[in-house]
Amino acid sequence: MGRRSSPDRIVSGYERFRLLRVERSVRDADLAVWHGRSRNSRVAKVLAFMLLIRAGGGGGLPLSRQPSVICKGTEQQFFSAPGENQAAHLLPGQIVIDGAMPWLYLQGEPARLLQNEFAYVEPIHANFNAADRIAERNGMTNAFADACRQVLMAQGVPERDVADAYNRIWAPRALAAILAAESELRAEPLPPALVFGEPGSADYNTILNLEERGSAMGDAEVWNNFERLSMLDYYRASFDDPPPELEPRAIRALLGL
């Protein structure tokens, strides 16, 4: 993969300082939930930007009556991650409308902000990126594209159209993609499930296969599969609460740019 460019030098410098130079100590479980919630928040923001595109009059490209919307690999990011970490994009991919980047349908500050949304990354372990890719190819990218197209084609109350696209398309289909990714990983080599002593026995509440499980965890492939499966489980938990970006006042604030 070639080197990705940054769309905004000022934001790139801020993100690099915030995420690479400021020390943080976060458990992988908390980071996985945060990563999932951040993805949902940015999906909600992009859906709101689709309202600006469908409204027209922004000085950008005209929107066709039946736009084609796809989601492909992202070509921009604010920075690269050092060491074992990778810069994992927060959005599932790059939205393209009728063959053009979506920010080309806008001008000025809205265009800049929308372009930046696709460049935000988080410096995290490579297994996060691997878990993302498995979910994306199992339907998450298509869910993102279809939710965007739904907003572009809808003709109802703007705030309600964004919420409907998120709740009826993005959330259920992204969750289905995560479940499919988990099913795919369960077919790969994994450590044996924990076995505990039976109630009433001398070994009750004792792990009986700890040595076998520890030995399996020593295999890099097994460990990576186990870790990715755990991350997908936390990604599912990130859907428990809707993102604040879905609130009508947040959408109205964006529309007032």
C-alpha atoms as a PDB file:
ATOM      1  CA  MET A   1       0.000   0.000   0.000  1.00  0.00           C
ATOM      2  CA  GLY A   2       1.369   3.403  -0.946  1.00  0.00           C
ATOM      3  CA  ARG A   3       1.888   6.233   1.462  1.00  0.00           C
ATOM      4  CA  ARG A   4      -1.389   7.983   2.284  1.00  0.00           C
ATOM      5  CA  SER A   5      -1.557  11.767   2.188  1.00  0.00           C
ATOM      6  CA  SER A   6      -2.978  14.121   4.822  1.00  0.00           C
ATOM      7  CA  PRO A   7      -5.736  16.515   3.704  1.00  0.00           C
ATOM      8  CA  ASP A   8      -5.170  19.125   6.422  1.00  0.00           C
ATOM      9  CA  ARG A   9      -1.685  20.013   7.717  1.00  0.00           C
ATOM     10  CA  ILE A  10      -2.934  21.865  10.804  1.00  0.00           C
ATOM     11  CA  VAL A  11      -5.296  19.099  11.934  1.00  0.00           C
ATOM     12  CA  SER A  12      -2.641  16.510  11.090  1.00  0.00           C
ATOM     13  CA  GLY A  13      -0.157  18.210  13.421  1.00  0.00           C
ATOM     14  CA  TYR A  14      -2.716  18.393  16.218  1.00  0.00           C
ATOM     15  CA  GLU A  15      -3.737  14.752  15.851  1.00  0.00           C
ATOM     16  CA  ARG A  16      -0.111  13.636  15.745  1.00  0.00           C
ATOM     17  CA  PHE A  17       0.613  15.492  19.002  1.00  0.00           C
ATOM     18  CA  ARG A  18      -2.602  14.353  20.699  1.00  0.00           C
ATOM     19  CA  LEU A  19      -2.299  10.672  19.867  1.00  0.00           C
ATOM     20  CA  LEU A  20       1.432  10.036  19.447  1.00  0.00           C
ATOM     21  CA  ARG A  21       3.176  12.390  21.876  1.00  0.00           C
ATOM     22  CA  VAL A  22       0.700  12.660  24.747  1.00  0.00           C
ATOM     23  CA  GLU A  23       1.107   9.561  26.922  1.00  0.00           C
ATOM     24  CA  ARG A  24      -1.997   7.509  27.552  1.00  0.00           C
ATOM     25  CA  SER A  25      -2.655   4.330  29.472  1.00  0.00           C
ATOM     26  CA  VAL A  26      -5.810   2.581  28.274  1.00  0.00           C
ATOM     27  CA  ARG A  27      -6.757  -1.074  28.568  1.00  0.00           C
ATOM     28  CA  ASP A  28      -7.320  -2.866  25.267  1.00  0.00           C
ATOM     29  CA  ALA A  29     -10.933  -3.586  26.277  1.00  0.00           C
ATOM     30  CA  ASP A  30     -11.650   0.092  26.903  1.00  0.00           C
ATOM     31  CA  LEU A  31      -9.792   1.074  23.740  1.00  0.00           C
ATOM     32  CA  ALA A  32     -11.800  -1.408  21.650  1.00  0.00           C
ATOM     33  CA  VAL A  33     -15.111  -0.003  22.939  1.00  0.00           C
ATOM     34  CA  TRP A  34     -13.825   3.537  22.370  1.00  0.00           C
ATOM     35  CA  HIS A  35     -12.720   2.640  18.835  1.00  0.00           C
ATOM     36  CA  GLY A  36     -16.171   1.238  18.059  1.00  0.00           C
ATOM     37  CA  ARG A  37     -17.966   4.226  19.547  1.00  0.00           C
ATOM     38  CA  SER A  38     -15.726   6.637  17.655  1.00  0.00           C
ATOM     39  CA  ARG A  39     -16.536   4.831  14.420  1.00  0.00           C
ATOM     40  CA  ASN A  40     -20.262   5.161  15.140  1.00  0.00           C
ATOM     41  CA  SER A  41     -19.905   8.839  15.987  1.00  0.00           C
ATOM     42  CA  ARG A  42     -18.065   9.622  12.775  1.00  0.00           C
ATOM     43  CA  VAL A  43     -20.535   7.597  10.712  1.00  0.00           C
ATOM     44  CA  ALA A  44     -23.326   9.714  12.233  1.00  0.00           C
ATOM     45  CA  LYS A  45     -21.433  12.907  11.347  1.00  0.00           C
ATOM     46  CA  VAL A  46     -20.896  11.811   7.747  1.00  0.00           C
ATOM     47  CA  LEU A  47     -24.601  10.977   7.464  1.00  0.00           C
ATOM     48  CA  ALA A  48     -25.371  14.527   8.590  1.00  0.00           C
ATOM     49  CA  PHE A  49     -23.000  15.883   5.932  1.00  0.00           C
ATOM     50  CA  MET A  50     -25.049  13.950   3.372  1.00  0.00           C
ATOM     51  CA  LEU A  51     -27.898  16.345   4.245  1.00  0.00           C
ATOM     52  CA  LEU A  52     -25.767  19.279   3.116  1.00  0.00           C
ATOM     53  CA  ILE A  53     -24.964  17.499  -0.131  1.00  0.00           C
ATOM     54  CA  ARG A  54     -28.594  16.630  -0.897  1.00  0.00           C
ATOM     55  CA  ALA A  55     -29.677  20.206  -0.135  1.00  0.00           C
ATOM     56  CA  GLY A  56     -27.488  21.473  -2.982  1.00  0.00           C
ATOM     57  CA  GLY A  57     -26.620  25.103  -3.406  1.00  0.00           C
ATOM     58  CA  GLY A  58     -23.228  24.616  -1.787  1.00  0.00           C
ATOM     59  CA  GLY A  59     -21.295  25.558  -4.881  1.00  0.00           C
ATOM     60  CA  GLY A  60     -19.952  22.074  -5.460  1.00  0.00           C
ATOM     61  CA  LEU A  61     -20.842  19.328  -7.910  1.00  0.00           C
ATOM     62  CA  PRO A  62     -24.561  18.791  -8.627  1.00  0.00           C
ATOM     63  CA  LEU A  63     -26.061  15.645  -7.130  1.00  0.00           C
ATOM     64  CA  SER A  64     -27.728  13.251  -9.571  1.00  0.00           C
ATOM     65  CA  ARG A  65     -31.302  12.080  -8.992  1.00  0.00           C
ATOM     66  CA  GLN A  66     -30.222   8.457  -8.444  1.00  0.00           C
ATOM     67  CA  PRO A  67     -26.679   8.702  -7.055  1.00  0.00           C
ATOM     68  CA  SER A  68     -24.390   5.711  -6.946  1.00  0.00           C
ATOM     69  CA  VAL A  69     -22.691   5.456  -3.546  1.00  0.00           C
ATOM     70  CA  ILE A  70     -19.841   3.067  -2.795  1.00  0.00           C
ATOM     71  CA  CYS A  71     -17.349   2.683   0.026  1.00  0.00           C
ATOM     72  CA  LYS A  72     -13.753   1.903  -0.896  1.00  0.00           C
ATOM     73  CA  GLY A  73     -10.327   1.959   0.771  1.00  0.00           C
ATOM     74  CA  THR A  74      -9.357   5.292   2.297  1.00  0.00           C
ATOM     75  CA  GLU A  75      -6.471   7.126   0.636  1.00  0.00           C
ATOM     76  CA  GLN A  76      -5.836   9.821   3.265  1.00  0.00           C
ATOM     77  CA  GLN A  77      -4.827   9.813   6.926  1.00  0.00           C
ATOM     78  CA  PHE A  78      -3.456  12.359   9.334  1.00  0.00           C
ATOM     79  CA  PHE A  79      -0.384  10.359  10.392  1.00  0.00           C
ATOM     80  CA  SER A  80       1.257   6.930  10.455  1.00  0.00           C
ATOM     81  CA  ALA A  81       1.783   4.993  13.667  1.00  0.00           C
ATOM     82  CA  PRO A  82       5.218   3.876  14.894  1.00  0.00           C
ATOM     83  CA  GLY A  83       6.416   0.461  16.084  1.00  0.00           C
ATOM     84  CA  GLU A  84       3.926  -2.386  16.402  1.00  0.00           C
ATOM     85  CA  ASN A  85       0.964  -0.037  16.178  1.00  0.00           C
ATOM     86  CA  GLN A  86      -0.950   0.871  13.049  1.00  0.00           C
ATOM     87  CA  ALA A  87      -2.942   3.987  12.236  1.00  0.00           C
ATOM     88  CA  ALA A  88      -6.467   2.534  12.137  1.00  0.00           C
ATOM     89  CA  HIS A  89      -9.069   4.656  10.356  1.00  0.00           C
ATOM     90  CA  LEU A  90     -12.128   5.435  12.413  1.00  0.00           C
ATOM     91  CA  LEU A  91     -14.499   5.306   9.437  1.00  0.00           C
ATOM     92  CA  PRO A  92     -15.013   1.979   7.605  1.00  0.00           C
ATOM     93  CA  GLY A  93     -13.778   3.435   4.318  1.00  0.00           C
ATOM     94  CA  GLN A  94     -13.977   6.235   1.785  1.00  0.00           C
ATOM     95  CA  ILE A  95     -17.439   7.169   0.512  1.00  0.00           C
ATOM     96  CA  VAL A  96     -17.584   7.930  -3.225  1.00  0.00           C
ATOM     97  CA  ILE A  97     -20.675   9.480  -4.851  1.00  0.00           C
ATOM     98  CA  ASP A  98     -21.071   8.970  -8.600  1.00  0.00           C
ATOM     99  CA  GLY A  99     -17.317   8.458  -8.878  1.00  0.00           C
ATOM    100  CA  ALA A 100     -16.427  11.687  -7.018  1.00  0.00           C
ATOM    101  CA  MET A 101     -15.222  12.334  -3.485  1.00  0.00           C
ATOM    102  CA  PRO A 102     -18.144  13.567  -1.364  1.00  0.00           C
ATOM    103  CA  TRP A 103     -16.522  16.835  -0.318  1.00  0.00           C
ATOM    104  CA  LEU A 104     -16.464  17.927  -3.967  1.00  0.00           C
ATOM    105  CA  TYR A 105     -20.235  18.405  -3.653  1.00  0.00           C
ATOM    106  CA  LEU A 106     -19.551  21.130  -1.065  1.00  0.00           C
ATOM    107  CA  GLN A 107     -17.296  24.149  -0.786  1.00  0.00           C
ATOM    108  CA  GLY A 108     -15.503  26.081   1.933  1.00  0.00           C
ATOM    109  CA  GLU A 109     -15.534  24.957   5.553  1.00  0.00           C
ATOM    110  CA  PRO A 110     -18.099  22.135   5.141  1.00  0.00           C
ATOM    111  CA  ALA A 111     -15.983  20.601   2.353  1.00  0.00           C
ATOM    112  CA  ARG A 112     -12.830  20.807   4.477  1.00  0.00           C
ATOM    113  CA  LEU A 113     -14.484  19.253   7.528  1.00  0.00           C
ATOM    114  CA  LEU A 114     -16.033  16.412   5.543  1.00  0.00           C
ATOM    115  CA  GLN A 115     -12.721  15.593   3.874  1.00  0.00           C
ATOM    116  CA  ASN A 116     -11.030  15.523   7.274  1.00  0.00           C
ATOM    117  CA  GLU A 117     -13.539  12.978   8.601  1.00  0.00           C
ATOM    118  CA  PHE A 118     -12.055  10.322   6.325  1.00  0.00           C
ATOM    119  CA  ALA A 119      -8.480  10.981   7.504  1.00  0.00           C
ATOM    120  CA  TYR A 120      -8.928  10.519  11.270  1.00  0.00           C
ATOM    121  CA  VAL A 121      -6.982   7.537  12.609  1.00  0.00           C
ATOM    122  CA  GLU A 122      -6.103   6.008  15.964  1.00  0.00           C
ATOM    123  CA  PRO A 123      -2.607   4.558  16.678  1.00  0.00           C
ATOM    124  CA  ILE A 124      -3.473   1.095  17.998  1.00  0.00           C
ATOM    125  CA  HIS A 125      -2.194  -2.477  17.825  1.00  0.00           C
ATOM    126  CA  ALA A 126      -2.316  -4.119  14.405  1.00  0.00           C
ATOM    127  CA  ASN A 127      -4.961  -6.585  15.621  1.00  0.00           C
ATOM    128  CA  PHE A 128      -7.478  -3.740  15.858  1.00  0.00           C
ATOM    129  CA  ASN A 129      -6.930  -2.970  12.188  1.00  0.00           C
ATOM    130  CA  ALA A 130      -7.185  -6.674  11.365  1.00  0.00           C
ATOM    131  CA  ALA A 131     -10.496  -6.974  13.243  1.00  0.00           C
ATOM    132  CA  ASP A 132     -11.762  -3.882  11.405  1.00  0.00           C
ATOM    133  CA  ARG A 133     -10.868  -5.349   8.011  1.00  0.00           C
ATOM    134  CA  ILE A 134     -12.651  -8.630   8.726  1.00  0.00           C
ATOM    135  CA  ALA A 135     -15.837  -6.780   9.712  1.00  0.00           C
ATOM    136  CA  GLU A 136     -15.547  -4.439   6.740  1.00  0.00           C
ATOM    137  CA  ARG A 137     -15.352  -7.225   4.176  1.00  0.00           C
ATOM    138  CA  ASN A 138     -18.273  -8.974   5.873  1.00  0.00           C
ATOM    139  CA  GLY A 139     -20.610  -6.089   5.106  1.00  0.00           C
ATOM    140  CA  MET A 140     -19.624  -3.066   7.187  1.00  0.00           C
ATOM    141  CA  THR A 141     -18.415  -0.977   4.230  1.00  0.00           C
ATOM    142  CA  ASN A 142     -21.609  -1.717   2.278  1.00  0.00           C
ATOM    143  CA  ALA A 143     -23.695  -0.748   5.315  1.00  0.00           C
ATOM    144  CA  PHE A 144     -21.911   2.604   5.472  1.00  0.00           C
ATOM    145  CA  ALA A 145     -22.426   3.284   1.759  1.00  0.00           C
ATOM    146  CA  ASP A 146     -26.101   2.300   1.848  1.00  0.00           C
ATOM    147  CA  ALA A 147     -26.774   4.466   4.913  1.00  0.00           C
ATOM    148  CA  CYS A 148     -25.218   7.455   3.132  1.00  0.00           C
ATOM    149  CA  ARG A 149     -27.286   6.830   0.009  1.00  0.00           C
ATOM    150  CA  GLN A 150     -30.429   6.553   2.110  1.00  0.00           C
ATOM    151  CA  VAL A 151     -29.887  10.067   3.484  1.00  0.00           C
ATOM    152  CA  LEU A 152     -29.117  11.436   0.014  1.00  0.00           C
ATOM    153  CA  MET A 153     -32.345   9.961  -1.390  1.00  0.00           C
ATOM    154  CA  ALA A 154     -34.678  10.640   1.556  1.00  0.00           C
ATOM    155  CA  GLN A 155     -37.081  13.573   1.505  1.00  0.00           C
ATOM    156  CA  GLY A 156     -38.273  13.733   5.079  1.00  0.00           C
ATOM    157  CA  VAL A 157     -37.327  15.759   8.138  1.00  0.00           C
ATOM    158  CA  PRO A 158     -33.513  16.068   7.960  1.00  0.00           C
ATOM    159  CA  GLU A 159     -32.765  15.075  11.556  1.00  0.00           C
ATOM    160  CA  ARG A 160     -35.131  12.108  11.319  1.00  0.00           C
ATOM    161  CA  ASP A 161     -33.639  10.970   8.008  1.00  0.00           C
ATOM    162  CA  VAL A 162     -30.161  10.806   9.561  1.00  0.00           C
ATOM    163  CA  ALA A 163     -31.433   8.902  12.609  1.00  0.00           C
ATOM    164  CA  ASP A 164     -33.379   6.475  10.396  1.00  0.00           C
ATOM    165  CA  ALA A 165     -30.350   5.771   8.193  1.00  0.00           C
ATOM    166  CA  TYR A 166     -28.231   5.145  11.266  1.00  0.00           C
ATOM    167  CA  ASN A 167     -30.743   3.043  13.206  1.00  0.00           C
ATOM    168  CA  ARG A 168     -32.298   1.091  10.331  1.00  0.00           C
ATOM    169  CA  ILE A 169     -29.298   0.578   8.053  1.00  0.00           C
ATOM    170  CA  TRP A 170     -25.947   1.304   9.662  1.00  0.00           C
ATOM    171  CA  ALA A 171     -26.427  -0.118  13.169  1.00  0.00           C
ATOM    172  CA  PRO A 172     -28.155  -3.447  12.368  1.00  0.00           C
ATOM    173  CA  ARG A 173     -26.026  -4.208   9.323  1.00  0.00           C
ATOM    174  CA  ALA A 174     -22.763  -3.197  10.983  1.00  0.00           C
ATOM    175  CA  LEU A 175     -23.661  -5.475  13.900  1.00  0.00           C
ATOM    176  CA  ALA A 176     -24.443  -8.275  11.439  1.00  0.00           C
ATOM    177  CA  ALA A 177     -21.034  -7.703   9.840  1.00  0.00           C
ATOM    178  CA  ILE A 178     -19.348  -7.985  13.236  1.00  0.00           C
ATOM    179  CA  LEU A 179     -21.208 -11.233  13.961  1.00  0.00           C
ATOM    180  CA  ALA A 180     -20.173 -12.613  10.561  1.00  0.00           C
ATOM    181  CA  ALA A 181     -16.575 -11.613  11.285  1.00  0.00           C
ATOM    182  CA  GLU A 182     -16.730 -13.426  14.623  1.00  0.00           C
ATOM    183  CA  SER A 183     -18.068 -16.529  12.885  1.00  0.00           C
ATOM    184  CA  GLU A 184     -15.206 -16.341  10.374  1.00  0.00           C
ATOM    185  CA  LEU A 185     -12.618 -16.101  13.148  1.00  0.00           C
ATOM    186  CA  ARG A 186     -14.126 -19.019  15.096  1.00  0.00           C
ATOM    187  CA  ALA A 187     -13.227 -21.225  12.120  1.00  0.00           C
ATOM    188  CA  GLU A 188      -9.563 -20.287  12.641  1.00  0.00           C
ATOM    189  CA  PRO A 189      -7.195 -21.809  15.247  1.00  0.00           C
ATOM    190  CA  LEU A 190      -8.189 -20.606  18.733  1.00  0.00           C
ATOM    191  CA  PRO A 191      -7.187 -21.542  22.283  1.00  0.00           C
ATOM    192  CA  PRO A 192      -9.370 -24.183  23.973  1.00  0.00           C
ATOM    193  CA  ALA A 193     -12.215 -22.878  26.086  1.00  0.00           C
ATOM    194  CA  LEU A 194     -11.583 -22.735  29.830  1.00  0.00           C
ATOM    195  CA  VAL A 195     -12.594 -25.889  31.698  1.00  0.00           C
ATOM    196  CA  PHE A 196     -13.530 -25.551  35.383  1.00  0.00           C
ATOM    197  CA  GLY A 197     -13.918 -28.181  38.086  1.00  0.00           C
ATOM    198  CA  GLU A 198     -17.439 -29.422  38.749  1.00  0.00           C
ATOM    199  CA  PRO A 199     -19.420 -28.052  41.724  1.00  0.00           C
ATOM    200  CA  GLY A 200     -18.839 -30.147  44.828  1.00  0.00           C
ATOM    201  CA  SER A 201     -15.478 -31.451  43.626  1.00  0.00           C
ATOM    202  CA  ALA A 202     -12.108 -30.600  45.112  1.00  0.00           C
ATOM    203  CA  ASP A 203     -11.312 -28.757  41.892  1.00  0.00           C
ATOM    204  CA  TYR A 204     -14.458 -26.633  41.939  1.00  0.00           C
ATOM    205  CA  ASN A 205     -13.840 -23.176  40.435  1.00  0.00           C
ATOM    206  CA  THR A 206     -10.318 -24.232  39.426  1.00  0.00           C
ATOM    207  CA  ILE A 207      -9.195 -24.001  35.794  1.00  0.00           C
ATOM    208  CA  LEU A 208      -8.358 -27.568  34.814  1.00  0.00           C
ATOM    209  CA  ASN A 209      -6.782 -26.895  31.423  1.00  0.00           C
ATOM    210  CA  LEU A 210      -4.703 -23.844  32.302  1.00  0.00           C
ATOM    211  CA  GLU A 211      -1.466 -25.379  31.028  1.00  0.00           C
ATOM    212  CA  GLU A 212      -3.028 -26.457  27.723  1.00  0.00           C
ATOM    213  CA  ARG A 213      -4.599 -23.029  27.235  1.00  0.00           C
ATOM    214  CA  GLY A 214      -1.363 -21.247  28.115  1.00  0.00           C
ATOM    215  CA  SER A 215       0.548 -23.387  25.643  1.00  0.00           C
ATOM    216  CA  ALA A 216      -1.948 -22.589  22.884  1.00  0.00           C
ATOM    217  CA  MET A 217      -1.696 -18.883  23.660  1.00  0.00           C
ATOM    218  CA  GLY A 218       2.026 -19.124  22.993  1.00  0.00           C
ATOM    219  CA  ASP A 219       1.298 -19.636  19.309  1.00  0.00           C
ATOM    220  CA  ALA A 220       1.255 -16.225  17.583  1.00  0.00           C
ATOM    221  CA  GLU A 221      -1.541 -17.160  15.156  1.00  0.00           C
ATOM    222  CA  VAL A 222      -3.761 -18.491  17.933  1.00  0.00           C
ATOM    223  CA  TRP A 223      -3.117 -15.449  20.113  1.00  0.00           C
ATOM    224  CA  ASN A 224      -3.866 -12.994  17.300  1.00  0.00           C
ATOM    225  CA  ASN A 225      -7.113 -14.775  16.404  1.00  0.00           C
ATOM    226  CA  PHE A 226      -8.166 -14.773  20.070  1.00  0.00           C
ATOM    227  CA  GLU A 227      -7.367 -11.080  20.454  1.00  0.00           C
ATOM    228  CA  ARG A 228      -9.208 -10.102  17.263  1.00  0.00           C
ATOM    229  CA  LEU A 229     -12.248 -12.105  18.347  1.00  0.00           C
ATOM    230  CA  SER A 230     -12.223 -10.296  21.695  1.00  0.00           C
ATOM    231  CA  MET A 231     -12.038  -6.926  19.948  1.00  0.00           C
ATOM    232  CA  LEU A 232     -15.030  -7.750  17.774  1.00  0.00           C
ATOM    233  CA  ASP A 233     -16.975  -8.588  20.926  1.00  0.00           C
ATOM    234  CA  TYR A 234     -16.201  -5.130  22.308  1.00  0.00           C
ATOM    235  CA  TYR A 235     -17.126  -3.552  18.977  1.00  0.00           C
ATOM    236  CA  ARG A 236     -20.602  -5.041  19.428  1.00  0.00           C
ATOM    237  CA  ALA A 237     -20.803  -3.458  22.875  1.00  0.00           C
ATOM    238  CA  SER A 238     -20.064  -0.056  21.354  1.00  0.00           C
ATOM    239  CA  PHE A 239     -23.572  -0.059  19.841  1.00  0.00           C
ATOM    240  CA  ASP A 240     -25.261  -0.142  23.245  1.00  0.00           C
ATOM    241  CA  ASP A 241     -25.641   3.646  23.309  1.00  0.00           C
ATOM    242  CA  PRO A 242     -26.398   5.870  20.294  1.00  0.00           C
ATOM    243  CA  PRO A 243     -23.753   8.513  19.544  1.00  0.00           C
ATOM    244  CA  PRO A 244     -24.491  12.101  20.637  1.00  0.00           C
ATOM    245  CA  GLU A 245     -23.980  13.174  17.009  1.00  0.00           C
ATOM    246  CA  LEU A 246     -27.433  11.694  16.297  1.00  0.00           C
ATOM    247  CA  GLU A 247     -29.140  14.217  18.561  1.00  0.00           C
ATOM    248  CA  PRO A 248     -31.217  16.739  16.578  1.00  0.00           C
ATOM    249  CA  ARG A 249     -29.367  19.727  18.032  1.00  0.00           C
ATOM    250  CA  ALA A 250     -26.019  18.273  16.911  1.00  0.00           C
ATOM    251  CA  ILE A 251     -27.353  17.758  13.382  1.00  0.00           C
ATOM    252  CA  ARG A 252     -28.839  21.260  13.313  1.00  0.00           C
ATOM    253  CA  ALA A 253     -25.510  22.689  14.430  1.00  0.00           C
ATOM    254  CA  LEU A 254     -23.774  20.982  11.520  1.00  0.00           C
ATOM    255  CA  LEU A 255     -26.377  22.206   9.062  1.00  0.00           C
ATOM    256  CA  GLY A 256     -25.794  25.729  10.296  1.00  0.00           C
ATOM    257  CA  LEU A 257     -22.150  25.774   9.115  1.00  0.00           C
END
